[in-house]
Amino acid sequence: MLKSYIAFDIETTGLDPLENEIIEIGALKVRDGKVAERFMEFIRPLSPISPMITNLTGITNEMVSGARDRSRVVSDFLDFCEDDVLIGHNVIFDYSFVK
């Protein structure tokens, strides 16, 4: 059984990684089956978050207004992940935005 990994999820402004943006990354670093560290950060999008996305995610424009830009947050997230195994729900979708 896998005991060390990163469980992560992202929230986005839509479904297309070429047109939409990540607005939040959340991750848990698990070591020996226990949460060792957390990474949770909003990302300031270039375009406003639509009411539909706010209804779906609960994330408002106000919540991301003071957030850092995507490149810095994603870089810090990748540093957080190191060489660990990544797991999550709908990982192919999430990874398409992160890469």
C-alpha atoms as a PDB file:
ATOM      1  CA  MET A   1       0.000   0.000   0.000  1.00  0.00           C
ATOM      2  CA  LEU A   2       1.224   3.484  -0.908  1.00  0.00           C
ATOM      3  CA  LYS A   3       2.085   5.395   2.290  1.00  0.00           C
ATOM      4  CA  SER A   4       3.824   8.499   0.941  1.00  0.00           C
ATOM      5  CA  TYR A   5       2.266  10.685  -1.756  1.00  0.00           C
ATOM      6  CA  ILE A   6       0.769  14.066  -2.624  1.00  0.00           C
ATOM      7  CA  ALA A   7      -3.030  14.258  -2.854  1.00  0.00           C
ATOM      8  CA  PHE A   8      -3.974  17.368  -4.817  1.00  0.00           C
ATOM      9  CA  ASP A   9      -6.877  19.160  -6.419  1.00  0.00           C
ATOM     10  CA  ILE A  10      -7.268  22.381  -8.349  1.00  0.00           C
ATOM     11  CA  GLU A  11     -10.124  24.755  -9.064  1.00  0.00           C
ATOM     12  CA  THR A  12     -10.314  26.523 -12.408  1.00  0.00           C
ATOM     13  CA  THR A  13     -12.270  29.200 -14.252  1.00  0.00           C
ATOM     14  CA  GLY A  14     -13.503  26.623 -16.787  1.00  0.00           C
ATOM     15  CA  LEU A  15     -12.810  23.314 -18.490  1.00  0.00           C
ATOM     16  CA  ASP A  16     -10.263  24.236 -21.188  1.00  0.00           C
ATOM     17  CA  PRO A  17      -6.607  24.488 -20.096  1.00  0.00           C
ATOM     18  CA  LEU A  18      -5.841  26.576 -23.186  1.00  0.00           C
ATOM     19  CA  GLU A  19      -8.490  29.206 -22.391  1.00  0.00           C
ATOM     20  CA  ASN A  20      -9.189  28.941 -18.660  1.00  0.00           C
ATOM     21  CA  GLU A  21      -7.063  29.408 -15.565  1.00  0.00           C
ATOM     22  CA  ILE A  22      -6.253  27.775 -12.239  1.00  0.00           C
ATOM     23  CA  ILE A  23      -7.670  29.775  -9.327  1.00  0.00           C
ATOM     24  CA  GLU A  24      -6.724  27.465  -6.456  1.00  0.00           C
ATOM     25  CA  ILE A  25      -4.326  24.614  -5.723  1.00  0.00           C
ATOM     26  CA  GLY A  26      -4.795  22.455  -2.665  1.00  0.00           C
ATOM     27  CA  ALA A  27      -2.554  19.557  -1.704  1.00  0.00           C
ATOM     28  CA  LEU A  28      -1.697  17.304   1.194  1.00  0.00           C
ATOM     29  CA  LYS A  29       1.717  15.704   1.591  1.00  0.00           C
ATOM     30  CA  VAL A  30       1.186  12.296   3.164  1.00  0.00           C
ATOM     31  CA  ARG A  31       4.011  10.446   4.892  1.00  0.00           C
ATOM     32  CA  ASP A  32       3.524   6.964   6.321  1.00  0.00           C
ATOM     33  CA  GLY A  33      -0.237   7.362   5.953  1.00  0.00           C
ATOM     34  CA  LYS A  34      -0.437  10.683   7.860  1.00  0.00           C
ATOM     35  CA  VAL A  35      -0.739  14.275   6.652  1.00  0.00           C
ATOM     36  CA  ALA A  36       2.697  15.858   7.088  1.00  0.00           C
ATOM     37  CA  GLU A  37       2.223  19.173   5.222  1.00  0.00           C
ATOM     38  CA  ARG A  38      -0.461  21.196   3.465  1.00  0.00           C
ATOM     39  CA  PHE A  39      -0.322  23.451   0.414  1.00  0.00           C
ATOM     40  CA  MET A  40      -3.371  25.647  -0.128  1.00  0.00           C
ATOM     41  CA  GLU A  41      -3.199  28.791  -2.198  1.00  0.00           C
ATOM     42  CA  PHE A  42      -5.402  30.942  -4.411  1.00  0.00           C
ATOM     43  CA  ILE A  43      -4.118  32.203  -7.747  1.00  0.00           C
ATOM     44  CA  ARG A  44      -5.027  35.609  -9.160  1.00  0.00           C
ATOM     45  CA  PRO A  45      -6.589  35.007 -12.597  1.00  0.00           C
ATOM     46  CA  LEU A  46      -6.134  37.361 -15.533  1.00  0.00           C
ATOM     47  CA  SER A  47      -9.899  37.454 -16.132  1.00  0.00           C
ATOM     48  CA  PRO A  48     -12.754  37.784 -13.625  1.00  0.00           C
ATOM     49  CA  ILE A  49     -14.316  34.626 -12.192  1.00  0.00           C
ATOM     50  CA  SER A  50     -17.795  34.101 -13.616  1.00  0.00           C
ATOM     51  CA  PRO A  51     -20.824  33.752 -11.325  1.00  0.00           C
ATOM     52  CA  MET A  52     -21.208  30.151 -12.569  1.00  0.00           C
ATOM     53  CA  ILE A  53     -17.691  29.240 -11.386  1.00  0.00           C
ATOM     54  CA  THR A  54     -18.254  31.044  -8.072  1.00  0.00           C
ATOM     55  CA  ASN A  55     -21.442  29.000  -7.587  1.00  0.00           C
ATOM     56  CA  LEU A  56     -19.559  25.792  -8.421  1.00  0.00           C
ATOM     57  CA  THR A  57     -16.365  26.392  -6.413  1.00  0.00           C
ATOM     58  CA  GLY A  58     -17.353  28.960  -3.804  1.00  0.00           C
ATOM     59  CA  ILE A  59     -14.364  31.082  -4.893  1.00  0.00           C
ATOM     60  CA  THR A  60     -15.110  34.759  -5.483  1.00  0.00           C
ATOM     61  CA  ASN A  61     -13.198  37.514  -7.248  1.00  0.00           C
ATOM     62  CA  GLU A  62     -12.621  39.123  -3.858  1.00  0.00           C
ATOM     63  CA  MET A  63     -10.981  35.945  -2.533  1.00  0.00           C
ATOM     64  CA  VAL A  64      -8.373  35.924  -5.322  1.00  0.00           C
ATOM     65  CA  SER A  65      -7.830  39.686  -5.633  1.00  0.00           C
ATOM     66  CA  GLY A  66      -4.707  39.681  -3.450  1.00  0.00           C
ATOM     67  CA  ALA A  67      -3.400  36.293  -4.576  1.00  0.00           C
ATOM     68  CA  ARG A  68      -0.081  35.710  -6.307  1.00  0.00           C
ATOM     69  CA  ASP A  69       0.159  35.035 -10.046  1.00  0.00           C
ATOM     70  CA  ARG A  70       0.003  31.562 -11.559  1.00  0.00           C
ATOM     71  CA  SER A  71       3.694  31.085 -12.386  1.00  0.00           C
ATOM     72  CA  ARG A  72       4.874  31.699  -8.822  1.00  0.00           C
ATOM     73  CA  VAL A  73       2.174  29.557  -7.195  1.00  0.00           C
ATOM     74  CA  VAL A  74       2.615  26.640  -9.607  1.00  0.00           C
ATOM     75  CA  SER A  75       6.398  26.813  -9.147  1.00  0.00           C
ATOM     76  CA  ASP A  76       5.987  26.662  -5.357  1.00  0.00           C
ATOM     77  CA  PHE A  77       3.496  23.796  -5.738  1.00  0.00           C
ATOM     78  CA  LEU A  78       5.959  21.804  -7.859  1.00  0.00           C
ATOM     79  CA  ASP A  79       8.677  22.431  -5.245  1.00  0.00           C
ATOM     80  CA  PHE A  80       6.243  21.204  -2.578  1.00  0.00           C
ATOM     81  CA  CYS A  81       5.632  18.017  -4.597  1.00  0.00           C
ATOM     82  CA  GLU A  82       9.336  17.201  -5.052  1.00  0.00           C
ATOM     83  CA  ASP A  83       9.486  13.750  -6.699  1.00  0.00           C
ATOM     84  CA  ASP A  84       6.441  12.327  -4.917  1.00  0.00           C
ATOM     85  CA  VAL A  85       3.646  10.337  -6.468  1.00  0.00           C
ATOM     86  CA  LEU A  86       0.624  12.553  -7.268  1.00  0.00           C
ATOM     87  CA  ILE A  87      -2.879  11.270  -6.681  1.00  0.00           C
ATOM     88  CA  GLY A  88      -6.257  12.915  -6.918  1.00  0.00           C
ATOM     89  CA  HIS A  89      -9.718  12.904  -8.380  1.00  0.00           C
ATOM     90  CA  ASN A  90      -9.757  13.566 -12.147  1.00  0.00           C
ATOM     91  CA  VAL A  91      -5.957  13.893 -12.199  1.00  0.00           C
ATOM     92  CA  ILE A  92      -5.700  14.046 -16.003  1.00  0.00           C
ATOM     93  CA  PHE A  93      -7.862  17.201 -16.008  1.00  0.00           C
ATOM     94  CA  ASP A  94      -5.931  18.804 -13.135  1.00  0.00           C
ATOM     95  CA  TYR A  95      -2.550  17.903 -14.604  1.00  0.00           C
ATOM     96  CA  SER A  96      -3.510  19.411 -17.976  1.00  0.00           C
ATOM     97  CA  PHE A  97      -3.773  22.793 -16.229  1.00  0.00           C
ATOM     98  CA  VAL A  98      -0.648  22.407 -14.075  1.00  0.00           C
ATOM     99  CA  LYS A  99       1.631  21.429 -16.971  1.00  0.00           C
END
